C-alpha atoms as a PDB file:
ATOM      1  CA  UNK A   1      31.204  44.312 -10.494  1.00  0.00           C
ATOM      2  CA  UNK A   2      28.444  42.012  -9.224  1.00  0.00           C
ATOM      3  CA  UNK A   3      27.579  41.959  -5.549  1.00  0.00           C
ATOM      4  CA  UNK A   4      29.233  39.190  -3.563  1.00  0.00           C
ATOM      5  CA  UNK A   5      27.133  36.121  -2.744  1.00  0.00           C
ATOM      6  CA  UNK A   6      26.404  36.381   0.997  1.00  0.00           C
ATOM      7  CA  UNK A   7      26.304  32.582   1.319  1.00  0.00           C
ATOM      8  CA  UNK A   8      29.852  32.088   0.114  1.00  0.00           C
ATOM      9  CA  UNK A   9      31.561  35.229   1.352  1.00  0.00           C
ATOM     10  CA  UNK A  10      33.025  35.546   4.824  1.00  0.00           C
ATOM     11  CA  UNK A  11      34.183  38.808   6.330  1.00  0.00           C
ATOM     12  CA  UNK A  12      36.879  37.869   8.891  1.00  0.00           C
ATOM     13  CA  UNK A  13      35.985  40.932  10.958  1.00  0.00           C
ATOM     14  CA  UNK A  14      32.302  39.980  11.161  1.00  0.00           C
ATOM     15  CA  UNK A  15      31.166  36.792  12.885  1.00  0.00           C
ATOM     16  CA  UNK A  16      27.887  36.956  10.969  1.00  0.00           C
ATOM     17  CA  UNK A  17      28.999  38.122   7.537  1.00  0.00           C
ATOM     18  CA  UNK A  18      25.719  37.363   5.769  1.00  0.00           C
ATOM     19  CA  UNK A  19      23.635  39.052   8.458  1.00  0.00           C
ATOM     20  CA  UNK A  20      21.205  36.189   9.021  1.00  0.00           C
ATOM     21  CA  UNK A  21      21.570  36.178  12.802  1.00  0.00           C
ATOM     22  CA  UNK A  22      23.539  32.934  12.856  1.00  0.00           C
ATOM     23  CA  UNK A  23      27.331  33.015  13.322  1.00  0.00           C
ATOM     24  CA  UNK A  24      29.329  31.925  10.269  1.00  0.00           C
ATOM     25  CA  UNK A  25      30.472  28.331  10.461  1.00  0.00           C
ATOM     26  CA  UNK A  26      27.404  26.872  12.180  1.00  0.00           C
ATOM     27  CA  UNK A  27      24.664  27.906   9.788  1.00  0.00           C
ATOM     28  CA  UNK A  28      22.389  25.572   7.864  1.00  0.00           C
ATOM     29  CA  UNK A  29      21.141  27.474   4.849  1.00  0.00           C
ATOM     30  CA  UNK A  30      18.597  24.933   3.617  1.00  0.00           C
ATOM     31  CA  UNK A  31      18.031  23.356   7.049  1.00  0.00           C
ATOM     32  CA  UNK A  32      19.274  19.948   5.981  1.00  0.00           C
ATOM     33  CA  UNK A  33      21.397  19.522   9.088  1.00  0.00           C
ATOM     34  CA  UNK A  34      24.693  20.358   7.413  1.00  0.00           C
ATOM     35  CA  UNK A  35      27.115  22.777   8.992  1.00  0.00           C
ATOM     36  CA  UNK A  36      28.353  25.454   6.667  1.00  0.00           C
ATOM     37  CA  UNK A  37      32.128  25.603   6.394  1.00  0.00           C
ATOM     38  CA  UNK A  38      33.599  29.069   6.805  1.00  0.00           C
ATOM     39  CA  UNK A  39      32.775  29.920   3.169  1.00  0.00           C
ATOM     40  CA  UNK A  40      29.337  28.323   3.119  1.00  0.00           C
ATOM     41  CA  UNK A  41      28.016  24.932   2.095  1.00  0.00           C
ATOM     42  CA  UNK A  42      29.468  23.781  -1.208  1.00  0.00           C
ATOM     43  CA  UNK A  43      25.907  23.545  -2.516  1.00  0.00           C
ATOM     44  CA  UNK A  44      23.257  25.002  -0.164  1.00  0.00           C
ATOM     45  CA  UNK A  45      20.461  23.439  -2.253  1.00  0.00           C
ATOM     46  CA  UNK A  46      21.922  19.930  -2.030  1.00  0.00           C
ATOM     47  CA  UNK A  47      20.155  17.841   0.599  1.00  0.00           C
ATOM     48  CA  UNK A  48      23.061  15.410   0.423  1.00  0.00           C
ATOM     49  CA  UNK A  49      25.403  18.002   1.891  1.00  0.00           C
ATOM     50  CA  UNK A  50      26.913  16.413   4.971  1.00  0.00           C
ATOM     51  CA  UNK A  51      27.704  17.950   8.369  1.00  0.00           C
ATOM     52  CA  UNK A  52      31.089  17.767   9.999  1.00  0.00           C
ATOM     53  CA  UNK A  53      31.782  14.388  11.680  1.00  0.00           C
ATOM     54  CA  UNK A  54      30.043  14.203  15.037  1.00  0.00           C
ATOM     55  CA  UNK A  55      31.790  12.583  18.018  1.00  0.00           C
ATOM     56  CA  UNK A  56      29.468  10.468  20.169  1.00  0.00           C
ATOM     57  CA  UNK A  57      29.975   9.059  23.651  1.00  0.00           C
ATOM     58  CA  UNK A  58      28.769   5.560  24.558  1.00  0.00           C
ATOM     59  CA  UNK A  59      29.691   5.507  28.253  1.00  0.00           C
ATOM     60  CA  UNK A  60      28.546   8.824  29.681  1.00  0.00           C
ATOM     61  CA  UNK A  61      27.258   9.474  33.209  1.00  0.00           C
ATOM     62  CA  UNK A  62      23.687  10.715  33.102  1.00  0.00           C
ATOM     63  CA  UNK A  63      21.649  12.571  35.722  1.00  0.00           C
ATOM     64  CA  UNK A  64      18.054  11.786  34.755  1.00  0.00           C
ATOM     65  CA  UNK A  65      15.554  14.211  36.262  1.00  0.00           C
ATOM     66  CA  UNK A  66      12.257  12.381  35.931  1.00  0.00           C
ATOM     67  CA  UNK A  67       8.632  13.423  35.692  1.00  0.00           C
ATOM     68  CA  UNK A  68       7.328  10.607  37.875  1.00  0.00           C
ATOM     69  CA  UNK A  69       6.397   8.388  34.945  1.00  0.00           C
ATOM     70  CA  UNK A  70       8.614   8.405  31.837  1.00  0.00           C
ATOM     71  CA  UNK A  71      11.948   7.962  33.613  1.00  0.00           C
ATOM     72  CA  UNK A  72      11.609   4.161  33.795  1.00  0.00           C
ATOM     73  CA  UNK A  73      11.426   3.724  30.024  1.00  0.00           C
ATOM     74  CA  UNK A  74      14.149   6.310  29.442  1.00  0.00           C
ATOM     75  CA  UNK A  75      16.463   4.739  32.033  1.00  0.00           C
ATOM     76  CA  UNK A  76      16.006   1.296  30.481  1.00  0.00           C
ATOM     77  CA  UNK A  77      16.824   2.610  27.005  1.00  0.00           C
ATOM     78  CA  UNK A  78      19.880   4.557  28.176  1.00  0.00           C
ATOM     79  CA  UNK A  79      21.297   1.715  30.260  1.00  0.00           C
ATOM     80  CA  UNK A  80      20.765  -0.734  27.384  1.00  0.00           C
ATOM     81  CA  UNK A  81      22.902   1.626  25.290  1.00  0.00           C
ATOM     82  CA  UNK A  82      25.689   1.502  27.894  1.00  0.00           C
ATOM     83  CA  UNK A  83      25.145   4.718  29.828  1.00  0.00           C
ATOM     84  CA  UNK A  84      25.490   5.054  33.616  1.00  0.00           C
ATOM     85  CA  UNK A  85      22.190   6.539  34.804  1.00  0.00           C
ATOM     86  CA  UNK A  86      21.309   8.147  38.146  1.00  0.00           C
ATOM     87  CA  UNK A  87      17.601   8.906  38.531  1.00  0.00           C
ATOM     88  CA  UNK A  88      15.771  11.573  40.502  1.00  0.00           C
ATOM     89  CA  UNK A  89      12.101  10.554  40.229  1.00  0.00           C
ATOM     90  CA  UNK A  90      10.714  14.098  40.174  1.00  0.00           C
ATOM     91  CA  UNK A  91      12.832  16.859  38.653  1.00  0.00           C
ATOM     92  CA  UNK A  92      11.382  19.434  41.035  1.00  0.00           C
ATOM     93  CA  UNK A  93      12.819  17.522  44.011  1.00  0.00           C
ATOM     94  CA  UNK A  94      16.431  17.982  42.895  1.00  0.00           C
ATOM     95  CA  UNK A  95      17.969  20.787  44.934  1.00  0.00           C
ATOM     96  CA  UNK A  96      20.865  21.363  42.530  1.00  0.00           C
ATOM     97  CA  UNK A  97      23.341  20.198  45.172  1.00  0.00           C
ATOM     98  CA  UNK A  98      22.794  16.480  45.814  1.00  0.00           C
ATOM     99  CA  UNK A  99      23.759  14.712  43.695  1.00  0.00           C
ATOM    100  CA  UNK A 100      26.454  17.095  42.505  1.00  0.00           C
ATOM    101  CA  UNK A 101      25.996  17.801  38.804  1.00  0.00           C
ATOM    102  CA  UNK A 102      29.756  17.850  38.329  1.00  0.00           C
ATOM    103  CA  UNK A 103      29.732  14.079  38.715  1.00  0.00           C
ATOM    104  CA  UNK A 104      27.890  13.747  35.389  1.00  0.00           C
ATOM    105  CA  UNK A 105      28.345  14.397  31.680  1.00  0.00           C
ATOM    106  CA  UNK A 106      24.711  15.054  30.743  1.00  0.00           C
ATOM    107  CA  UNK A 107      21.584  16.198  32.571  1.00  0.00           C
ATOM    108  CA  UNK A 108      18.263  15.023  31.122  1.00  0.00           C
ATOM    109  CA  UNK A 109      15.107  16.896  32.142  1.00  0.00           C
ATOM    110  CA  UNK A 110      11.849  15.025  31.507  1.00  0.00           C
ATOM    111  CA  UNK A 111       8.948  17.456  31.660  1.00  0.00           C
ATOM    112  CA  UNK A 112       6.012  15.407  30.439  1.00  0.00           C
ATOM    113  CA  UNK A 113       3.629  14.042  33.045  1.00  0.00           C
ATOM    114  CA  UNK A 114       4.805  16.397  35.811  1.00  0.00           C
ATOM    115  CA  UNK A 115       4.812  19.556  33.753  1.00  0.00           C
ATOM    116  CA  UNK A 116       3.957  22.938  35.194  1.00  0.00           C
ATOM    117  CA  UNK A 117       6.364  22.855  38.138  1.00  0.00           C
ATOM    118  CA  UNK A 118       9.256  25.158  38.940  1.00  0.00           C
ATOM    119  CA  UNK A 119      12.826  23.998  39.411  1.00  0.00           C
ATOM    120  CA  UNK A 120      14.707  24.934  42.532  1.00  0.00           C
ATOM    121  CA  UNK A 121      16.649  28.116  41.808  1.00  0.00           C
ATOM    122  CA  UNK A 122      19.869  26.303  42.685  1.00  0.00           C
ATOM    123  CA  UNK A 123      18.977  23.518  40.251  1.00  0.00           C
ATOM    124  CA  UNK A 124      18.503  25.938  37.369  1.00  0.00           C
ATOM    125  CA  UNK A 125      21.743  27.702  38.261  1.00  0.00           C
ATOM    126  CA  UNK A 126      23.581  24.378  38.420  1.00  0.00           C
ATOM    127  CA  UNK A 127      22.329  23.367  34.977  1.00  0.00           C
ATOM    128  CA  UNK A 128      23.316  26.730  33.504  1.00  0.00           C
ATOM    129  CA  UNK A 129      26.839  26.485  34.959  1.00  0.00           C
ATOM    130  CA  UNK A 130      27.069  22.866  33.821  1.00  0.00           C
ATOM    131  CA  UNK A 131      26.299  23.862  30.241  1.00  0.00           C
ATOM    132  CA  UNK A 132      28.659  26.845  30.416  1.00  0.00           C
ATOM    133  CA  UNK A 133      31.597  24.572  31.218  1.00  0.00           C
ATOM    134  CA  UNK A 134      30.836  22.473  28.132  1.00  0.00           C
ATOM    135  CA  UNK A 135      28.569  19.677  29.340  1.00  0.00           C
ATOM    136  CA  UNK A 136      25.294  18.415  27.918  1.00  0.00           C
ATOM    137  CA  UNK A 137      21.669  19.191  28.723  1.00  0.00           C
ATOM    138  CA  UNK A 138      18.724  17.385  27.094  1.00  0.00           C
ATOM    139  CA  UNK A 139      15.130  18.492  27.652  1.00  0.00           C
ATOM    140  CA  UNK A 140      11.709  17.335  26.487  1.00  0.00           C
ATOM    141  CA  UNK A 141       8.372  19.028  26.213  1.00  0.00           C
ATOM    142  CA  UNK A 142       6.620  20.544  28.080  1.00  0.00           C
ATOM    143  CA  UNK A 143       9.761  22.541  28.922  1.00  0.00           C
ATOM    144  CA  UNK A 144       9.351  25.224  26.260  1.00  0.00           C
ATOM    145  CA  UNK A 145       5.652  25.439  27.113  1.00  0.00           C
ATOM    146  CA  UNK A 146       6.424  25.802  30.827  1.00  0.00           C
ATOM    147  CA  UNK A 147       8.960  28.552  30.152  1.00  0.00           C
ATOM    148  CA  UNK A 148       6.516  30.361  27.873  1.00  0.00           C
ATOM    149  CA  UNK A 149       3.780  30.041  30.505  1.00  0.00           C
ATOM    150  CA  UNK A 150       6.208  31.180  33.239  1.00  0.00           C
ATOM    151  CA  UNK A 151       5.844  27.947  35.187  1.00  0.00           C
ATOM    152  CA  UNK A 152       9.602  27.653  34.860  1.00  0.00           C
ATOM    153  CA  UNK A 153      11.699  30.746  35.415  1.00  0.00           C
ATOM    154  CA  UNK A 154      15.256  31.644  36.341  1.00  0.00           C
ATOM    155  CA  UNK A 155      18.353  30.238  34.692  1.00  0.00           C
ATOM    156  CA  UNK A 156      16.510  27.506  32.796  1.00  0.00           C
ATOM    157  CA  UNK A 157      15.037  30.236  30.572  1.00  0.00           C
ATOM    158  CA  UNK A 158      18.502  31.275  29.434  1.00  0.00           C
ATOM    159  CA  UNK A 159      19.591  27.822  28.255  1.00  0.00           C
ATOM    160  CA  UNK A 160      16.596  27.152  25.997  1.00  0.00           C
ATOM    161  CA  UNK A 161      17.494  26.567  22.309  1.00  0.00           C
ATOM    162  CA  UNK A 162      13.869  27.139  21.228  1.00  0.00           C
ATOM    163  CA  UNK A 163      10.892  29.198  22.315  1.00  0.00           C
ATOM    164  CA  UNK A 164       7.128  28.742  22.123  1.00  0.00           C
ATOM    165  CA  UNK A 165       6.468  32.427  22.856  1.00  0.00           C
ATOM    166  CA  UNK A 166       4.212  34.265  22.471  1.00  0.00           C
ATOM    167  CA  UNK A 167       1.423  31.740  22.001  1.00  0.00           C
ATOM    168  CA  UNK A 168       2.591  28.821  24.186  1.00  0.00           C
ATOM    169  CA  UNK A 169       0.635  26.570  21.845  1.00  0.00           C
ATOM    170  CA  UNK A 170       0.880  22.849  21.131  1.00  0.00           C
ATOM    171  CA  UNK A 171      -0.962  19.943  19.528  1.00  0.00           C
ATOM    172  CA  UNK A 172      -1.203  16.169  19.673  1.00  0.00           C
ATOM    173  CA  UNK A 173       0.072  13.806  16.984  1.00  0.00           C
ATOM    174  CA  UNK A 174       2.853  14.807  14.580  1.00  0.00           C
ATOM    175  CA  UNK A 175       4.658  13.379  11.582  1.00  0.00           C
ATOM    176  CA  UNK A 176       8.357  13.375  12.485  1.00  0.00           C
ATOM    177  CA  UNK A 177      10.544  14.045   9.449  1.00  0.00           C
ATOM    178  CA  UNK A 178      14.341  13.838   9.466  1.00  0.00           C
ATOM    179  CA  UNK A 179      15.757  16.906   7.728  1.00  0.00           C
ATOM    180  CA  UNK A 180      19.448  16.430   8.455  1.00  0.00           C
ATOM    181  CA  UNK A 181      21.997  13.624   8.418  1.00  0.00           C
ATOM    182  CA  UNK A 182      23.554  13.779  11.853  1.00  0.00           C
ATOM    183  CA  UNK A 183      24.539  11.728  14.889  1.00  0.00           C
ATOM    184  CA  UNK A 184      21.293  12.892  16.497  1.00  0.00           C
ATOM    185  CA  UNK A 185      19.218  11.273  13.751  1.00  0.00           C
ATOM    186  CA  UNK A 186      21.124   8.010  13.423  1.00  0.00           C
ATOM    187  CA  UNK A 187      19.329   4.649  13.631  1.00  0.00           C
ATOM    188  CA  UNK A 188      15.862   6.088  13.000  1.00  0.00           C
ATOM    189  CA  UNK A 189      13.788   6.044   9.802  1.00  0.00           C
ATOM    190  CA  UNK A 190      13.358   9.109   7.622  1.00  0.00           C
ATOM    191  CA  UNK A 191       9.849   9.638   8.976  1.00  0.00           C
ATOM    192  CA  UNK A 192       7.222   8.267  11.346  1.00  0.00           C
ATOM    193  CA  UNK A 193       3.997   9.288  13.030  1.00  0.00           C
ATOM    194  CA  UNK A 194       3.918   9.812  16.805  1.00  0.00           C
ATOM    195  CA  UNK A 195       0.761  10.290  18.881  1.00  0.00           C
ATOM    196  CA  UNK A 196       2.662  12.327  21.470  1.00  0.00           C
ATOM    197  CA  UNK A 197       2.145  16.053  21.872  1.00  0.00           C
ATOM    198  CA  UNK A 198       4.677  18.629  20.748  1.00  0.00           C
ATOM    199  CA  UNK A 199       4.895  22.378  21.233  1.00  0.00           C
ATOM    200  CA  UNK A 200       4.845  24.895  18.426  1.00  0.00           C
ATOM    201  CA  UNK A 201       8.319  26.310  18.874  1.00  0.00           C
ATOM    202  CA  UNK A 202      10.804  28.459  16.982  1.00  0.00           C
ATOM    203  CA  UNK A 203      14.590  28.064  17.157  1.00  0.00           C
ATOM    204  CA  UNK A 204      16.759  30.798  18.580  1.00  0.00           C
ATOM    205  CA  UNK A 205      19.638  32.081  16.410  1.00  0.00           C
ATOM    206  CA  UNK A 206      22.409  29.510  16.291  1.00  0.00           C
ATOM    207  CA  UNK A 207      20.086  26.558  16.910  1.00  0.00           C
ATOM    208  CA  UNK A 208      20.285  23.712  14.388  1.00  0.00           C
ATOM    209  CA  UNK A 209      17.013  21.900  13.617  1.00  0.00           C
ATOM    210  CA  UNK A 210      17.328  18.278  12.502  1.00  0.00           C
ATOM    211  CA  UNK A 211      13.710  17.110  12.563  1.00  0.00           C
ATOM    212  CA  UNK A 212      10.492  18.936  11.683  1.00  0.00           C
ATOM    213  CA  UNK A 213       6.867  18.171  10.941  1.00  0.00           C
ATOM    214  CA  UNK A 214       5.402  18.882   7.479  1.00  0.00           C
ATOM    215  CA  UNK A 215       4.304  22.330   8.674  1.00  0.00           C
ATOM    216  CA  UNK A 216       7.913  23.186   9.608  1.00  0.00           C
ATOM    217  CA  UNK A 217       7.595  22.848  13.406  1.00  0.00           C
ATOM    218  CA  UNK A 218      11.020  22.025  14.913  1.00  0.00           C
ATOM    219  CA  UNK A 219      10.892  18.623  16.627  1.00  0.00           C
ATOM    220  CA  UNK A 220      14.579  17.942  17.298  1.00  0.00           C
ATOM    221  CA  UNK A 221      16.926  20.889  17.795  1.00  0.00           C
ATOM    222  CA  UNK A 222      20.281  21.589  19.368  1.00  0.00           C
ATOM    223  CA  UNK A 223      22.525  24.514  20.190  1.00  0.00           C
ATOM    224  CA  UNK A 224      26.121  24.946  21.324  1.00  0.00           C
ATOM    225  CA  UNK A 225      25.818  28.702  21.740  1.00  0.00           C
ATOM    226  CA  UNK A 226      26.324  28.576  25.527  1.00  0.00           C
ATOM    227  CA  UNK A 227      29.346  26.279  25.615  1.00  0.00           C
ATOM    228  CA  UNK A 228      27.936  22.788  26.004  1.00  0.00           C
ATOM    229  CA  UNK A 229      25.404  20.966  23.852  1.00  0.00           C
ATOM    230  CA  UNK A 230      21.761  21.734  24.649  1.00  0.00           C
ATOM    231  CA  UNK A 231      19.130  19.563  22.946  1.00  0.00           C
ATOM    232  CA  UNK A 232      15.363  20.026  22.761  1.00  0.00           C
ATOM    233  CA  UNK A 233      13.400  16.842  22.013  1.00  0.00           C
ATOM    234  CA  UNK A 234       9.922  18.164  21.250  1.00  0.00           C
ATOM    235  CA  UNK A 235       8.050  15.160  22.682  1.00  0.00           C
ATOM    236  CA  UNK A 236       5.891  14.898  25.800  1.00  0.00           C
ATOM    237  CA  UNK A 237       7.158  11.415  26.718  1.00  0.00           C
ATOM    238  CA  UNK A 238       4.278   9.584  28.471  1.00  0.00           C
ATOM    239  CA  UNK A 239       1.935  12.539  28.948  1.00  0.00           C
ATOM    240  CA  UNK A 240      -0.171  11.478  25.947  1.00  0.00           C
ATOM    241  CA  UNK A 241       0.709   7.803  25.564  1.00  0.00           C
ATOM    242  CA  UNK A 242       1.680   5.118  28.082  1.00  0.00           C
ATOM    243  CA  UNK A 243       4.485   3.808  25.918  1.00  0.00           C
ATOM    244  CA  UNK A 244       7.137   6.046  24.376  1.00  0.00           C
ATOM    245  CA  UNK A 245       7.520   5.507  20.644  1.00  0.00           C
ATOM    246  CA  UNK A 246      10.687   3.389  20.043  1.00  0.00           C
ATOM    247  CA  UNK A 247      12.076   5.967  17.612  1.00  0.00           C
ATOM    248  CA  UNK A 248      11.672   8.679  20.258  1.00  0.00           C
ATOM    249  CA  UNK A 249      13.610   6.476  22.679  1.00  0.00           C
ATOM    250  CA  UNK A 250      16.343   6.123  20.068  1.00  0.00           C
ATOM    251  CA  UNK A 251      16.452   9.898  19.669  1.00  0.00           C
ATOM    252  CA  UNK A 252      16.951  10.183  23.431  1.00  0.00           C
ATOM    253  CA  UNK A 253      19.829   7.685  23.284  1.00  0.00           C
ATOM    254  CA  UNK A 254      21.329   9.659  20.387  1.00  0.00           C
ATOM    255  CA  UNK A 255      20.852  12.934  22.243  1.00  0.00           C
ATOM    256  CA  UNK A 256      22.632  11.734  25.360  1.00  0.00           C
ATOM    257  CA  UNK A 257      25.563  10.327  23.398  1.00  0.00           C
ATOM    258  CA  UNK A 258      25.955  13.488  21.358  1.00  0.00           C
ATOM    259  CA  UNK A 259      25.490  15.897  24.266  1.00  0.00           C
ATOM    260  CA  UNK A 260      28.121  14.093  26.352  1.00  0.00           C
ATOM    261  CA  UNK A 261      31.106  14.369  24.046  1.00  0.00           C
ATOM    262  CA  UNK A 262      31.954  17.995  24.824  1.00  0.00           C
ATOM    263  CA  UNK A 263      31.875  17.673  28.635  1.00  0.00           C
ATOM    264  CA  UNK A 264      35.395  18.199  30.037  1.00  0.00           C
ATOM    265  CA  UNK A 265      36.989  14.981  31.208  1.00  0.00           C
ATOM    266  CA  UNK A 266      38.953  16.699  33.979  1.00  0.00           C
ATOM    267  CA  UNK A 267      36.844  18.905  36.210  1.00  0.00           C
ATOM    268  CA  UNK A 268      39.708  19.856  38.529  1.00  0.00           C
ATOM    269  CA  UNK A 269      42.751  18.325  36.772  1.00  0.00           C
ATOM    270  CA  UNK A 270      42.107  14.865  38.248  1.00  0.00           C
ATOM    271  CA  UNK A 271      40.528  11.988  36.369  1.00  0.00           C
ATOM    272  CA  UNK A 272      37.783  11.358  38.903  1.00  0.00           C
ATOM    273  CA  UNK A 273      37.055  15.004  39.563  1.00  0.00           C
ATOM    274  CA  UNK A 274      38.109  14.290  43.135  1.00  0.00           C
ATOM    275  CA  UNK A 275      41.695  14.672  44.327  1.00  0.00           C
ATOM    276  CA  UNK A 276      41.508  12.037  47.069  1.00  0.00           C
ATOM    277  CA  UNK A 277      39.942   9.432  44.822  1.00  0.00           C
ATOM    278  CA  UNK A 278      42.499  10.011  42.079  1.00  0.00           C
ATOM    279  CA  UNK A 279      45.398   9.919  44.540  1.00  0.00           C
ATOM    280  CA  UNK A 280      44.132   6.688  46.070  1.00  0.00           C
ATOM    281  CA  UNK A 281      43.999   5.183  42.608  1.00  0.00           C
ATOM    282  CA  UNK A 282      47.712   5.729  42.088  1.00  0.00           C
ATOM    283  CA  UNK A 283      48.603   4.743  45.646  1.00  0.00           C
ATOM    284  CA  UNK A 284      49.319   8.161  47.151  1.00  0.00           C
ATOM    285  CA  UNK A 285      46.564   7.965  49.763  1.00  0.00           C
ATOM    286  CA  UNK A 286      46.444   5.020  52.211  1.00  0.00           C
END
């Protein structure tokens, strides 16, 4: 009897039946962005294989942690798409308490111009807890570089979907190639050139890569391994260029919409997340 094909065989007692380090059901054998069903993609070599339908939010509340430069362009793009954006100009000024992260659906960390700074410990802890309850976190470069270089430590290390260790290396100017049909790659062309810098990173097990450069460097990746949706946009925003490439802005809009969908609507069983506010809405509080 021939050996079973590991790509189409699932052992119900083993969450990783083919032993590739990625749990069954979220793998992407040929890295075309398609989720494998429980018994594998119908044709792993078919680039037309489609992922499961992806829900996308168009009205999420965003906490935008800026780098002192790129947040203006990002805020404009997000608000034009219909998102409610609250901006902290410098991410390292957010204490993790005010504003309260539980009032948002997605946290965006811009780490371009103001790279090399540590987050408050409480801020990293708040982001980690936020993701654990199912909410979204979007980061840019130089986040992976900062973690690799130990400029950023603490809880932020544990939520990374990619790593640039051990070399912490990067370069300027990449061809961005879409490798997967997905909500995260909607409304952008199949490829473009961007002058911005990107880090040489590798995905952790369970991370799905949807854009790469011709040398296979992950440029757009996401993971749901920790509960919520964590997205790494491998782009330094305005560190290299004054104007963010329009397609990169579209990827940010896509990332926020996709990361928001899994955030619980009811944080404490009340629509607003606040008992008094909800009660006042229905007339129970004067």
